[in-house]
Amino acid sequence: MPEDDAPAPEQDFGAAVAEVVRMIPSGHVMTYGDVAAALGSRASRAVGKVMAHEGADLPWWRVVRAGGHPPLHHEARALQHYRAEGTPIVQGTAVWRLDMRRARWSPSTDADDPF
């Protein structure tokens, strides 16, 4: 097969990110770094770039920042999804975040485990 017909590595990475994100069960989340690690990579920023450009058709709210905070500038919309899915939330005095100990998921964990 000629090299010109081979898909670009960025396209392959984007498709792989999308596949992992689609696997995250309702009520659970992964960090950008978790998604990258599931792909054998350390490219969490590249995962963020994929999500920013191609994530609209994915359950984007299930990919969060390492501290348990939702994607920047999408907090209110994400919170609606978390409440609807029963994602564990820790409410602080001024801000909220996800309870990563209970909500974090990886492809190697049992997806049927309710937390």
C-alpha atoms as a PDB file:
ATOM      1  CA  MET A   1       0.000   0.000   0.000  1.00  0.00           C
ATOM      2  CA  PRO A   2       1.519   3.381  -0.921  1.00  0.00           C
ATOM      3  CA  GLU A   3       2.253   5.749   1.928  1.00  0.00           C
ATOM      4  CA  ASP A   4      -0.102   8.371   0.463  1.00  0.00           C
ATOM      5  CA  ASP A   5      -3.056   6.057   1.160  1.00  0.00           C
ATOM      6  CA  ALA A   6      -2.141   5.570   4.820  1.00  0.00           C
ATOM      7  CA  PRO A   7      -4.234   7.561   7.315  1.00  0.00           C
ATOM      8  CA  ALA A   8      -2.446  10.370   9.115  1.00  0.00           C
ATOM      9  CA  PRO A   9      -1.306   9.521  12.675  1.00  0.00           C
ATOM     10  CA  GLU A  10      -3.443  12.401  14.031  1.00  0.00           C
ATOM     11  CA  GLN A  11      -6.549  10.844  12.482  1.00  0.00           C
ATOM     12  CA  ASP A  12      -5.710   7.489  14.018  1.00  0.00           C
ATOM     13  CA  PHE A  13      -5.169   9.107  17.426  1.00  0.00           C
ATOM     14  CA  GLY A  14      -8.450  11.023  17.168  1.00  0.00           C
ATOM     15  CA  ALA A  15     -10.370   7.876  16.272  1.00  0.00           C
ATOM     16  CA  ALA A  16      -8.727   6.013  19.146  1.00  0.00           C
ATOM     17  CA  VAL A  17      -9.617   8.815  21.584  1.00  0.00           C
ATOM     18  CA  ALA A  18     -13.218   8.735  20.377  1.00  0.00           C
ATOM     19  CA  GLU A  19     -13.372   4.960  20.858  1.00  0.00           C
ATOM     20  CA  VAL A  20     -12.141   5.206  24.465  1.00  0.00           C
ATOM     21  CA  VAL A  21     -14.499   8.094  25.287  1.00  0.00           C
ATOM     22  CA  ARG A  22     -17.490   6.162  23.917  1.00  0.00           C
ATOM     23  CA  MET A  23     -16.614   3.290  26.272  1.00  0.00           C
ATOM     24  CA  ILE A  24     -16.861   5.408  29.447  1.00  0.00           C
ATOM     25  CA  PRO A  25     -20.046   4.288  31.208  1.00  0.00           C
ATOM     26  CA  SER A  26     -22.735   6.666  32.365  1.00  0.00           C
ATOM     27  CA  GLY A  27     -21.944   8.049  35.820  1.00  0.00           C
ATOM     28  CA  HIS A  28     -18.195   7.641  35.349  1.00  0.00           C
ATOM     29  CA  VAL A  29     -15.372   9.798  34.020  1.00  0.00           C
ATOM     30  CA  MET A  30     -11.782   9.651  32.847  1.00  0.00           C
ATOM     31  CA  THR A  31      -9.225  12.429  32.907  1.00  0.00           C
ATOM     32  CA  TYR A  32      -7.521  13.586  29.730  1.00  0.00           C
ATOM     33  CA  GLY A  33      -4.413  11.810  31.005  1.00  0.00           C
ATOM     34  CA  ASP A  34      -6.391   8.622  31.690  1.00  0.00           C
ATOM     35  CA  VAL A  35      -7.627   8.572  28.088  1.00  0.00           C
ATOM     36  CA  ALA A  36      -4.082   9.092  26.807  1.00  0.00           C
ATOM     37  CA  ALA A  37      -2.762   6.340  29.113  1.00  0.00           C
ATOM     38  CA  ALA A  38      -5.449   3.932  27.886  1.00  0.00           C
ATOM     39  CA  LEU A  39      -3.955   4.471  24.431  1.00  0.00           C
ATOM     40  CA  GLY A  40      -0.408   3.884  25.646  1.00  0.00           C
ATOM     41  CA  SER A  41       0.400   7.583  25.412  1.00  0.00           C
ATOM     42  CA  ARG A  42       1.215  10.486  27.710  1.00  0.00           C
ATOM     43  CA  ALA A  43      -0.338  13.028  25.326  1.00  0.00           C
ATOM     44  CA  SER A  44      -3.119  14.384  27.537  1.00  0.00           C
ATOM     45  CA  ARG A  45      -3.011  17.745  25.750  1.00  0.00           C
ATOM     46  CA  ALA A  46      -3.519  15.973  22.436  1.00  0.00           C
ATOM     47  CA  VAL A  47      -6.582  14.273  23.938  1.00  0.00           C
ATOM     48  CA  GLY A  48      -7.837  17.732  24.915  1.00  0.00           C
ATOM     49  CA  LYS A  49      -7.268  18.974  21.390  1.00  0.00           C
ATOM     50  CA  VAL A  50      -9.201  16.038  19.938  1.00  0.00           C
ATOM     51  CA  MET A  51     -12.049  16.638  22.375  1.00  0.00           C
ATOM     52  CA  ALA A  52     -12.132  20.365  21.580  1.00  0.00           C
ATOM     53  CA  HIS A  53     -12.293  19.787  17.831  1.00  0.00           C
ATOM     54  CA  GLU A  54     -14.170  16.499  17.517  1.00  0.00           C
ATOM     55  CA  GLY A  55     -15.857  15.916  20.864  1.00  0.00           C
ATOM     56  CA  ALA A  56     -19.276  17.412  20.165  1.00  0.00           C
ATOM     57  CA  ASP A  57     -20.677  14.030  19.089  1.00  0.00           C
ATOM     58  CA  LEU A  58     -19.076  12.231  22.044  1.00  0.00           C
ATOM     59  CA  PRO A  59     -20.022  12.125  25.739  1.00  0.00           C
ATOM     60  CA  TRP A  60     -17.518  14.986  26.235  1.00  0.00           C
ATOM     61  CA  TRP A  61     -18.590  15.628  29.847  1.00  0.00           C
ATOM     62  CA  ARG A  62     -17.109  12.264  30.830  1.00  0.00           C
ATOM     63  CA  VAL A  63     -13.568  13.514  30.111  1.00  0.00           C
ATOM     64  CA  VAL A  64     -12.453  15.835  32.887  1.00  0.00           C
ATOM     65  CA  ARG A  65      -9.452  17.663  34.273  1.00  0.00           C
ATOM     66  CA  ALA A  66      -7.229  15.814  36.742  1.00  0.00           C
ATOM     67  CA  GLY A  67      -8.651  17.591  39.795  1.00  0.00           C
ATOM     68  CA  GLY A  68     -12.168  16.380  39.042  1.00  0.00           C
ATOM     69  CA  HIS A  69     -13.259  19.601  37.368  1.00  0.00           C
ATOM     70  CA  PRO A  70     -15.298  19.541  34.153  1.00  0.00           C
ATOM     71  CA  PRO A  71     -14.048  20.910  30.848  1.00  0.00           C
ATOM     72  CA  LEU A  72     -13.439  24.653  31.014  1.00  0.00           C
ATOM     73  CA  HIS A  73     -16.309  26.881  29.892  1.00  0.00           C
ATOM     74  CA  HIS A  74     -18.738  23.921  29.912  1.00  0.00           C
ATOM     75  CA  GLU A  75     -19.285  23.573  33.660  1.00  0.00           C
ATOM     76  CA  ALA A  76     -23.033  24.303  33.703  1.00  0.00           C
ATOM     77  CA  ARG A  77     -23.840  21.977  30.792  1.00  0.00           C
ATOM     78  CA  ALA A  78     -21.603  19.269  32.223  1.00  0.00           C
ATOM     79  CA  LEU A  79     -23.264  19.535  35.646  1.00  0.00           C
ATOM     80  CA  GLN A  80     -26.640  18.791  34.043  1.00  0.00           C
ATOM     81  CA  HIS A  81     -25.201  15.611  32.536  1.00  0.00           C
ATOM     82  CA  TYR A  82     -23.537  14.571  35.817  1.00  0.00           C
ATOM     83  CA  ARG A  83     -26.774  15.011  37.752  1.00  0.00           C
ATOM     84  CA  ALA A  84     -28.777  13.113  35.130  1.00  0.00           C
ATOM     85  CA  GLU A  85     -26.268  10.232  35.150  1.00  0.00           C
ATOM     86  CA  GLY A  86     -25.758  10.143  38.916  1.00  0.00           C
ATOM     87  CA  THR A  87     -22.054  10.943  38.699  1.00  0.00           C
ATOM     88  CA  PRO A  88     -20.714  11.450  42.251  1.00  0.00           C
ATOM     89  CA  ILE A  89     -20.119  15.143  43.010  1.00  0.00           C
ATOM     90  CA  VAL A  90     -18.316  16.811  45.916  1.00  0.00           C
ATOM     91  CA  GLN A  91     -19.913  20.143  46.763  1.00  0.00           C
ATOM     92  CA  GLY A  92     -17.540  22.711  48.250  1.00  0.00           C
ATOM     93  CA  THR A  93     -18.515  26.038  49.759  1.00  0.00           C
ATOM     94  CA  ALA A  94     -18.062  27.938  46.494  1.00  0.00           C
ATOM     95  CA  VAL A  95     -17.359  25.341  43.813  1.00  0.00           C
ATOM     96  CA  TRP A  96     -18.051  21.701  43.056  1.00  0.00           C
ATOM     97  CA  ARG A  97     -15.985  18.949  41.513  1.00  0.00           C
ATOM     98  CA  LEU A  98     -16.412  15.283  40.787  1.00  0.00           C
ATOM     99  CA  ASP A  99     -15.617  12.663  43.384  1.00  0.00           C
ATOM    100  CA  MET A 100     -12.786  11.087  41.410  1.00  0.00           C
ATOM    101  CA  ARG A 101     -12.322   8.252  43.881  1.00  0.00           C
ATOM    102  CA  ARG A 102     -15.831   7.039  43.074  1.00  0.00           C
ATOM    103  CA  ALA A 103     -16.368   8.328  39.519  1.00  0.00           C
ATOM    104  CA  ARG A 104     -13.039   7.492  37.854  1.00  0.00           C
ATOM    105  CA  TRP A 105     -13.182   4.647  35.365  1.00  0.00           C
ATOM    106  CA  SER A 106     -10.676   2.873  33.165  1.00  0.00           C
ATOM    107  CA  PRO A 107     -11.174   0.266  30.444  1.00  0.00           C
ATOM    108  CA  SER A 108      -9.580  -2.309  32.757  1.00  0.00           C
ATOM    109  CA  THR A 109     -12.174  -1.805  35.531  1.00  0.00           C
ATOM    110  CA  ASP A 110     -15.539  -3.486  35.708  1.00  0.00           C
ATOM    111  CA  ALA A 111     -17.937  -1.155  33.887  1.00  0.00           C
ATOM    112  CA  ASP A 112     -20.864  -2.694  35.742  1.00  0.00           C
ATOM    113  CA  ASP A 113     -19.504  -1.655  39.144  1.00  0.00           C
ATOM    114  CA  PRO A 114     -21.915   1.068  40.341  1.00  0.00           C
ATOM    115  CA  PHE A 115     -19.060   3.071  41.975  1.00  0.00           C
END
